[in-house]
């Protein structure tokens, strides 16, 4: 199963002409493309799906969703545990 997972943007940069971000998923960091939400800034939470930020959401909603994913046991399945 492939889910959209909330993560916090900790850094933004350009790569190959695209706005990108380093995203923190509770200690697991991944790269994501911000082309669909170019207004996203450091400190905001986004739903990340297959490497793309697809929407911005509040910290409250992000924390609730992460808690549910962890409770369901799908958080580690979706993200793994290694950091790039």
PDB file of N, CA and C in Angstrom:
ATOM      1  N   UNK A   1       0.850  -1.171   0.000  1.00  0.00           N
ATOM      2  CA  UNK A   1       0.000   0.000   0.000  1.00  0.00           C
ATOM      3  C   UNK A   1       0.894   1.232   0.000  1.00  0.00           C
ATOM      4  N   UNK A   2       0.489   2.256  -0.663  1.00  0.00           N
ATOM      5  CA  UNK A   2       1.260   3.493  -0.718  1.00  0.00           C
ATOM      6  C   UNK A   2       0.376   4.632  -0.221  1.00  0.00           C
ATOM      7  N   UNK A   3       0.786   5.243   0.882  1.00  0.00           N
ATOM      8  CA  UNK A   3       0.006   6.299   1.504  1.00  0.00           C
ATOM      9  C   UNK A   3       0.688   7.649   1.356  1.00  0.00           C
ATOM     10  N   UNK A   4      -0.074   8.700   1.490  1.00  0.00           N
ATOM     11  CA  UNK A   4       0.493  10.034   1.658  1.00  0.00           C
ATOM     12  C   UNK A   4       0.768  10.204   3.137  1.00  0.00           C
ATOM     13  N   UNK A   5       1.986  10.602   3.486  1.00  0.00           N
ATOM     14  CA  UNK A   5       2.403  10.700   4.880  1.00  0.00           C
ATOM     15  C   UNK A   5       2.785  12.145   5.190  1.00  0.00           C
ATOM     16  N   UNK A   6       2.318  12.688   6.323  1.00  0.00           N
ATOM     17  CA  UNK A   6       2.690  14.057   6.679  1.00  0.00           C
ATOM     18  C   UNK A   6       4.139  14.132   7.147  1.00  0.00           C
ATOM     19  N   UNK A   7       4.812  15.182   6.711  1.00  0.00           N
ATOM     20  CA  UNK A   7       6.177  15.441   7.139  1.00  0.00           C
ATOM     21  C   UNK A   7       6.410  16.930   7.249  1.00  0.00           C
ATOM     22  N   UNK A   8       7.418  17.287   8.049  1.00  0.00           N
ATOM     23  CA  UNK A   8       7.747  18.695   8.277  1.00  0.00           C
ATOM     24  C   UNK A   8       8.911  19.104   7.375  1.00  0.00           C
ATOM     25  N   UNK A   9       8.740  20.192   6.673  1.00  0.00           N
ATOM     26  CA  UNK A   9       9.792  20.716   5.812  1.00  0.00           C
ATOM     27  C   UNK A   9      10.862  21.345   6.696  1.00  0.00           C
ATOM     28  N   UNK A  10      12.098  20.851   6.564  1.00  0.00           N
ATOM     29  CA  UNK A  10      13.191  21.390   7.374  1.00  0.00           C
ATOM     30  C   UNK A  10      14.197  22.182   6.534  1.00  0.00           C
ATOM     31  N   UNK A  11      14.113  22.040   5.226  1.00  0.00           N
ATOM     32  CA  UNK A  11      15.021  22.761   4.335  1.00  0.00           C
ATOM     33  C   UNK A  11      14.412  22.777   2.943  1.00  0.00           C
ATOM     34  N   UNK A  12      14.580  23.883   2.226  1.00  0.00           N
ATOM     35  CA  UNK A  12      14.167  23.935   0.826  1.00  0.00           C
ATOM     36  C   UNK A  12      15.371  24.324  -0.021  1.00  0.00           C
ATOM     37  N   UNK A  13      15.367  23.862  -1.275  1.00  0.00           N
ATOM     38  CA  UNK A  13      16.467  24.131  -2.194  1.00  0.00           C
ATOM     39  C   UNK A  13      15.995  23.826  -3.605  1.00  0.00           C
ATOM     40  N   UNK A  14      16.814  24.201  -4.567  1.00  0.00           N
ATOM     41  CA  UNK A  14      16.498  23.905  -5.966  1.00  0.00           C
ATOM     42  C   UNK A  14      17.393  22.775  -6.450  1.00  0.00           C
ATOM     43  N   UNK A  15      16.798  21.889  -7.227  1.00  0.00           N
ATOM     44  CA  UNK A  15      17.544  20.760  -7.789  1.00  0.00           C
ATOM     45  C   UNK A  15      16.988  20.495  -9.185  1.00  0.00           C
ATOM     46  N   UNK A  16      17.826  20.630 -10.183  1.00  0.00           N
ATOM     47  CA  UNK A  16      17.385  20.398 -11.553  1.00  0.00           C
ATOM     48  C   UNK A  16      16.260  21.310 -11.981  1.00  0.00           C
ATOM     49  N   UNK A  17      16.239  22.526 -11.443  1.00  0.00           N
ATOM     50  CA  UNK A  17      15.193  23.486 -11.795  1.00  0.00           C
ATOM     51  C   UNK A  17      13.893  23.307 -11.032  1.00  0.00           C
ATOM     52  N   UNK A  18      13.851  22.385 -10.072  1.00  0.00           N
ATOM     53  CA  UNK A  18      12.643  22.131  -9.286  1.00  0.00           C
ATOM     54  C   UNK A  18      12.837  22.556  -7.838  1.00  0.00           C
ATOM     55  N   UNK A  19      11.783  23.071  -7.221  1.00  0.00           N
ATOM     56  CA  UNK A  19      11.825  23.381  -5.797  1.00  0.00           C
ATOM     57  C   UNK A  19      11.701  22.066  -5.029  1.00  0.00           C
ATOM     58  N   UNK A  20      12.680  21.805  -4.178  1.00  0.00           N
ATOM     59  CA  UNK A  20      12.744  20.560  -3.422  1.00  0.00           C
ATOM     60  C   UNK A  20      12.790  20.854  -1.935  1.00  0.00           C
ATOM     61  N   UNK A  21      12.603  19.804  -1.130  1.00  0.00           N
ATOM     62  CA  UNK A  21      12.663  19.966   0.318  1.00  0.00           C
ATOM     63  C   UNK A  21      13.269  18.728   0.968  1.00  0.00           C
ATOM     64  N   UNK A  22      13.912  18.968   2.084  1.00  0.00           N
ATOM     65  CA  UNK A  22      14.292  17.897   2.997  1.00  0.00           C
ATOM     66  C   UNK A  22      13.151  17.854   4.003  1.00  0.00           C
ATOM     67  N   UNK A  23      12.544  16.667   4.153  1.00  0.00           N
ATOM     68  CA  UNK A  23      11.334  16.531   4.966  1.00  0.00           C
ATOM     69  C   UNK A  23      11.602  15.559   6.110  1.00  0.00           C
ATOM     70  N   UNK A  24      11.179  15.954   7.310  1.00  0.00           N
ATOM     71  CA  UNK A  24      11.351  15.153   8.518  1.00  0.00           C
ATOM     72  C   UNK A  24      10.045  14.430   8.835  1.00  0.00           C
ATOM     73  N   UNK A  25      10.130  13.100   8.859  1.00  0.00           N
ATOM     74  CA  UNK A  25       8.988  12.258   9.229  1.00  0.00           C
ATOM     75  C   UNK A  25       9.274  11.655  10.599  1.00  0.00           C
ATOM     76  N   UNK A  26       9.350  12.496  11.625  1.00  0.00           N
ATOM     77  CA  UNK A  26       9.604  12.003  12.977  1.00  0.00           C
ATOM     78  C   UNK A  26      10.980  11.379  13.129  1.00  0.00           C
ATOM     79  N   UNK A  27      11.999  11.996  12.552  1.00  0.00           N
ATOM     80  CA  UNK A  27      13.356  11.495  12.654  1.00  0.00           C
ATOM     81  C   UNK A  27      13.853  10.753  11.427  1.00  0.00           C
ATOM     82  N   UNK A  28      12.974  10.452  10.511  1.00  0.00           N
ATOM     83  CA  UNK A  28      13.346   9.852   9.232  1.00  0.00           C
ATOM     84  C   UNK A  28      13.259  10.959   8.194  1.00  0.00           C
ATOM     85  N   UNK A  29      14.375  11.214   7.500  1.00  0.00           N
ATOM     86  CA  UNK A  29      14.433  12.309   6.534  1.00  0.00           C
ATOM     87  C   UNK A  29      14.406  11.786   5.112  1.00  0.00           C
ATOM     88  N   UNK A  30      13.615  12.456   4.285  1.00  0.00           N
ATOM     89  CA  UNK A  30      13.500  12.110   2.870  1.00  0.00           C
ATOM     90  C   UNK A  30      13.465  13.402   2.054  1.00  0.00           C
ATOM     91  N   UNK A  31      13.747  13.258   0.767  1.00  0.00           N
ATOM     92  CA  UNK A  31      13.669  14.373  -0.170  1.00  0.00           C
ATOM     93  C   UNK A  31      12.288  14.349  -0.830  1.00  0.00           C
ATOM     94  N   UNK A  32      11.726  15.530  -1.054  1.00  0.00           N
ATOM     95  CA  UNK A  32      10.429  15.613  -1.724  1.00  0.00           C
ATOM     96  C   UNK A  32      10.412  16.809  -2.663  1.00  0.00           C
ATOM     97  N   UNK A  33       9.700  16.672  -3.739  1.00  0.00           N
ATOM     98  CA  UNK A  33       9.516  17.745  -4.704  1.00  0.00           C
ATOM     99  C   UNK A  33       8.346  18.629  -4.255  1.00  0.00           C
ATOM    100  N   UNK A  34       8.546  19.954  -4.312  1.00  0.00           N
ATOM    101  CA  UNK A  34       7.505  20.897  -3.893  1.00  0.00           C
ATOM    102  C   UNK A  34       6.797  21.562  -5.071  1.00  0.00           C
ATOM    103  N   UNK A  35       6.925  21.011  -6.263  1.00  0.00           N
ATOM    104  CA  UNK A  35       6.333  21.643  -7.451  1.00  0.00           C
ATOM    105  C   UNK A  35       4.821  21.811  -7.352  1.00  0.00           C
ATOM    106  N   UNK A  36       4.133  20.903  -6.681  1.00  0.00           N
ATOM    107  CA  UNK A  36       2.671  21.008  -6.567  1.00  0.00           C
ATOM    108  C   UNK A  36       2.241  21.999  -5.491  1.00  0.00           C
ATOM    109  N   UNK A  37       3.152  22.322  -4.564  1.00  0.00           N
ATOM    110  CA  UNK A  37       2.855  23.287  -3.500  1.00  0.00           C
ATOM    111  C   UNK A  37       4.043  24.245  -3.352  1.00  0.00           C
ATOM    112  N   UNK A  38       4.313  25.040  -4.385  1.00  0.00           N
ATOM    113  CA  UNK A  38       5.498  25.904  -4.361  1.00  0.00           C
ATOM    114  C   UNK A  38       5.478  26.947  -3.249  1.00  0.00           C
ATOM    115  N   UNK A  39       4.317  27.202  -2.682  1.00  0.00           N
ATOM    116  CA  UNK A  39       4.207  28.175  -1.596  1.00  0.00           C
ATOM    117  C   UNK A  39       4.642  27.603  -0.237  1.00  0.00           C
ATOM    118  N   UNK A  40       4.902  26.302  -0.172  1.00  0.00           N
ATOM    119  CA  UNK A  40       5.309  25.651   1.074  1.00  0.00           C
ATOM    120  C   UNK A  40       6.658  26.195   1.543  1.00  0.00           C
ATOM    121  N   UNK A  41       6.776  26.380   2.857  1.00  0.00           N
ATOM    122  CA  UNK A  41       7.994  26.942   3.429  1.00  0.00           C
ATOM    123  C   UNK A  41       8.518  26.070   4.568  1.00  0.00           C
ATOM    124  N   UNK A  42       9.750  26.341   4.953  1.00  0.00           N
ATOM    125  CA  UNK A  42      10.373  25.634   6.074  1.00  0.00           C
ATOM    126  C   UNK A  42       9.500  25.795   7.316  1.00  0.00           C
ATOM    127  N   UNK A  43       9.297  24.690   8.017  1.00  0.00           N
ATOM    128  CA  UNK A  43       8.475  24.691   9.231  1.00  0.00           C
ATOM    129  C   UNK A  43       7.047  24.231   9.005  1.00  0.00           C
ATOM    130  N   UNK A  44       6.597  24.215   7.755  1.00  0.00           N
ATOM    131  CA  UNK A  44       5.235  23.767   7.461  1.00  0.00           C
ATOM    132  C   UNK A  44       5.202  22.252   7.273  1.00  0.00           C
ATOM    133  N   UNK A  45       4.021  21.694   7.441  1.00  0.00           N
ATOM    134  CA  UNK A  45       3.799  20.267   7.226  1.00  0.00           C
ATOM    135  C   UNK A  45       3.091  20.062   5.900  1.00  0.00           C
ATOM    136  N   UNK A  46       3.506  19.025   5.187  1.00  0.00           N
ATOM    137  CA  UNK A  46       2.899  18.670   3.908  1.00  0.00           C
ATOM    138  C   UNK A  46       2.606  17.184   3.891  1.00  0.00           C
ATOM    139  N   UNK A  47       1.612  16.811   3.099  1.00  0.00           N
ATOM    140  CA  UNK A  47       1.380  15.406   2.810  1.00  0.00           C
ATOM    141  C   UNK A  47       2.320  15.051   1.659  1.00  0.00           C
ATOM    142  N   UNK A  48       3.149  14.026   1.865  1.00  0.00           N
ATOM    143  CA  UNK A  48       4.103  13.583   0.855  1.00  0.00           C
ATOM    144  C   UNK A  48       3.628  12.237   0.312  1.00  0.00           C
ATOM    145  N   UNK A  49       3.504  12.163  -1.004  1.00  0.00           N
ATOM    146  CA  UNK A  49       3.089  10.926  -1.666  1.00  0.00           C
ATOM    147  C   UNK A  49       4.072  10.644  -2.795  1.00  0.00           C
ATOM    148  N   UNK A  50       4.692   9.496  -2.757  1.00  0.00           N
ATOM    149  CA  UNK A  50       5.707   9.055  -3.733  1.00  0.00           C
ATOM    150  C   UNK A  50       6.713  10.159  -4.100  1.00  0.00           C
ATOM    151  N   UNK A  51       7.190  10.862  -3.080  1.00  0.00           N
ATOM    152  CA  UNK A  51       8.229  11.861  -3.284  1.00  0.00           C
ATOM    153  C   UNK A  51       7.753  13.242  -3.675  1.00  0.00           C
ATOM    154  N   UNK A  52       6.438  13.465  -3.701  1.00  0.00           N
ATOM    155  CA  UNK A  52       5.881  14.768  -4.050  1.00  0.00           C
ATOM    156  C   UNK A  52       5.020  15.292  -2.904  1.00  0.00           C
ATOM    157  N   UNK A  53       5.221  16.549  -2.539  1.00  0.00           N
ATOM    158  CA  UNK A  53       4.326  17.214  -1.592  1.00  0.00           C
ATOM    159  C   UNK A  53       3.053  17.541  -2.357  1.00  0.00           C
ATOM    160  N   UNK A  54       1.918  17.069  -1.842  1.00  0.00           N
ATOM    161  CA  UNK A  54       0.668  17.274  -2.591  1.00  0.00           C
ATOM    162  C   UNK A  54      -0.299  18.222  -1.899  1.00  0.00           C
ATOM    163  N   UNK A  55      -0.066  18.507  -0.610  1.00  0.00           N
ATOM    164  CA  UNK A  55      -0.892  19.493   0.085  1.00  0.00           C
ATOM    165  C   UNK A  55      -0.214  19.909   1.378  1.00  0.00           C
ATOM    166  N   UNK A  56      -0.556  21.105   1.821  1.00  0.00           N
ATOM    167  CA  UNK A  56      -0.054  21.634   3.083  1.00  0.00           C
ATOM    168  C   UNK A  56      -1.131  21.393   4.130  1.00  0.00           C
ATOM    169  N   UNK A  57      -0.726  21.059   5.359  1.00  0.00           N
ATOM    170  CA  UNK A  57      -1.701  20.883   6.420  1.00  0.00           C
ATOM    171  C   UNK A  57      -1.162  21.445   7.715  1.00  0.00           C
ATOM    172  N   UNK A  58      -2.039  21.594   8.694  1.00  0.00           N
ATOM    173  CA  UNK A  58      -1.647  22.156   9.982  1.00  0.00           C
ATOM    174  C   UNK A  58      -0.822  21.151  10.779  1.00  0.00           C
ATOM    175  N   UNK A  59      -0.055  21.655  11.732  1.00  0.00           N
ATOM    176  CA  UNK A  59       0.733  20.779  12.595  1.00  0.00           C
ATOM    177  C   UNK A  59      -0.185  19.831  13.372  1.00  0.00           C
ATOM    178  N   UNK A  60      -1.314  20.331  13.834  1.00  0.00           N
ATOM    179  CA  UNK A  60      -2.271  19.509  14.586  1.00  0.00           C
ATOM    180  C   UNK A  60      -2.743  18.330  13.737  1.00  0.00           C
ATOM    181  N   UNK A  61      -3.150  18.603  12.510  1.00  0.00           N
ATOM    182  CA  UNK A  61      -3.617  17.535  11.622  1.00  0.00           C
ATOM    183  C   UNK A  61      -2.485  16.556  11.291  1.00  0.00           C
ATOM    184  N   UNK A  62      -1.276  17.093  11.104  1.00  0.00           N
ATOM    185  CA  UNK A  62      -0.129  16.230  10.807  1.00  0.00           C
ATOM    186  C   UNK A  62       0.151  15.283  11.976  1.00  0.00           C
ATOM    187  N   UNK A  63       0.136  15.802  13.195  1.00  0.00           N
ATOM    188  CA  UNK A  63       0.418  14.971  14.374  1.00  0.00           C
ATOM    189  C   UNK A  63      -0.653  13.896  14.576  1.00  0.00           C
ATOM    190  N   UNK A  64      -1.909  14.258  14.353  1.00  0.00           N
ATOM    191  CA  UNK A  64      -2.997  13.283  14.475  1.00  0.00           C
ATOM    192  C   UNK A  64      -2.848  12.164  13.445  1.00  0.00           C
ATOM    193  N   UNK A  65      -2.517  12.539  12.216  1.00  0.00           N
ATOM    194  CA  UNK A  65      -2.355  11.545  11.154  1.00  0.00           C
ATOM    195  C   UNK A  65      -1.167  10.636  11.428  1.00  0.00           C
ATOM    196  N   UNK A  66      -0.035  11.208  11.852  1.00  0.00           N
ATOM    197  CA  UNK A  66       1.141  10.396  12.170  1.00  0.00           C
ATOM    198  C   UNK A  66       0.845   9.417  13.304  1.00  0.00           C
ATOM    199  N   UNK A  67       0.118   9.878  14.317  1.00  0.00           N
ATOM    200  CA  UNK A  67      -0.241   8.996  15.429  1.00  0.00           C
ATOM    201  C   UNK A  67      -1.100   7.833  14.944  1.00  0.00           C
ATOM    202  N   UNK A  68      -2.040   8.107  14.056  1.00  0.00           N
ATOM    203  CA  UNK A  68      -2.886   7.042  13.514  1.00  0.00           C
ATOM    204  C   UNK A  68      -2.082   6.052  12.675  1.00  0.00           C
ATOM    205  N   UNK A  69      -1.162   6.557  11.855  1.00  0.00           N
ATOM    206  CA  UNK A  69      -0.329   5.674  11.036  1.00  0.00           C
ATOM    207  C   UNK A  69       0.532   4.772  11.921  1.00  0.00           C
ATOM    208  N   UNK A  70       1.090   5.342  12.988  1.00  0.00           N
ATOM    209  CA  UNK A  70       1.910   4.545  13.901  1.00  0.00           C
ATOM    210  C   UNK A  70       1.057   3.506  14.616  1.00  0.00           C
ATOM    211  N   UNK A  71      -0.142   3.899  15.016  1.00  0.00           N
ATOM    212  CA  UNK A  71      -1.060   2.973  15.688  1.00  0.00           C
ATOM    213  C   UNK A  71      -1.446   1.815  14.769  1.00  0.00           C
ATOM    214  N   UNK A  72      -1.621   2.106  13.487  1.00  0.00           N
ATOM    215  CA  UNK A  72      -1.985   1.074  12.515  1.00  0.00           C
ATOM    216  C   UNK A  72      -0.786   0.213  12.126  1.00  0.00           C
ATOM    217  N   UNK A  73       0.420   0.681  12.462  1.00  0.00           N
ATOM    218  CA  UNK A  73       1.616  -0.070  12.124  1.00  0.00           C
ATOM    219  C   UNK A  73       2.079   0.134  10.699  1.00  0.00           C
ATOM    220  N   UNK A  74       1.620   1.178  10.036  1.00  0.00           N
ATOM    221  CA  UNK A  74       1.991   1.398   8.639  1.00  0.00           C
ATOM    222  C   UNK A  74       3.068   2.457   8.457  1.00  0.00           C
ATOM    223  N   UNK A  75       3.423   3.169   9.519  1.00  0.00           N
ATOM    224  CA  UNK A  75       4.403   4.244   9.406  1.00  0.00           C
ATOM    225  C   UNK A  75       5.752   3.720   8.932  1.00  0.00           C
ATOM    226  N   UNK A  76       6.315   2.740   9.619  1.00  0.00           N
ATOM    227  CA  UNK A  76       7.611   2.193   9.246  1.00  0.00           C
ATOM    228  C   UNK A  76       7.539   1.479   7.900  1.00  0.00           C
ATOM    229  N   UNK A  77       6.414   0.857   7.614  1.00  0.00           N
ATOM    230  CA  UNK A  77       6.226   0.166   6.333  1.00  0.00           C
ATOM    231  C   UNK A  77       6.343   1.160   5.177  1.00  0.00           C
ATOM    232  N   UNK A  78       5.769   2.331   5.343  1.00  0.00           N
ATOM    233  CA  UNK A  78       5.787   3.336   4.281  1.00  0.00           C
ATOM    234  C   UNK A  78       7.148   4.010   4.124  1.00  0.00           C
ATOM    235  N   UNK A  79       7.821   4.274   5.252  1.00  0.00           N
ATOM    236  CA  UNK A  79       9.039   5.080   5.197  1.00  0.00           C
ATOM    237  C   UNK A  79      10.323   4.299   5.403  1.00  0.00           C
ATOM    238  N   UNK A  80      10.261   3.137   5.985  1.00  0.00           N
ATOM    239  CA  UNK A  80      11.489   2.436   6.345  1.00  0.00           C
ATOM    240  C   UNK A  80      12.138   3.148   7.509  1.00  0.00           C
ATOM    241  N   UNK A  81      13.368   2.802   7.810  1.00  0.00           N
ATOM    242  CA  UNK A  81      14.002   3.434   8.958  1.00  0.00           C
ATOM    243  C   UNK A  81      15.339   4.075   8.642  1.00  0.00           C
ATOM    244  N   UNK A  82      15.887   3.824   7.457  1.00  0.00           N
ATOM    245  CA  UNK A  82      17.173   4.406   7.125  1.00  0.00           C
ATOM    246  C   UNK A  82      17.011   5.845   6.693  1.00  0.00           C
ATOM    247  N   UNK A  83      18.077   6.619   6.828  1.00  0.00           N
ATOM    248  CA  UNK A  83      18.066   8.000   6.361  1.00  0.00           C
ATOM    249  C   UNK A  83      19.069   8.120   5.224  1.00  0.00           C
ATOM    250  N   UNK A  84      18.740   8.885   4.202  1.00  0.00           N
ATOM    251  CA  UNK A  84      19.642   9.009   3.051  1.00  0.00           C
ATOM    252  C   UNK A  84      20.899   9.781   3.403  1.00  0.00           C
TER     253      UNK A  84
END
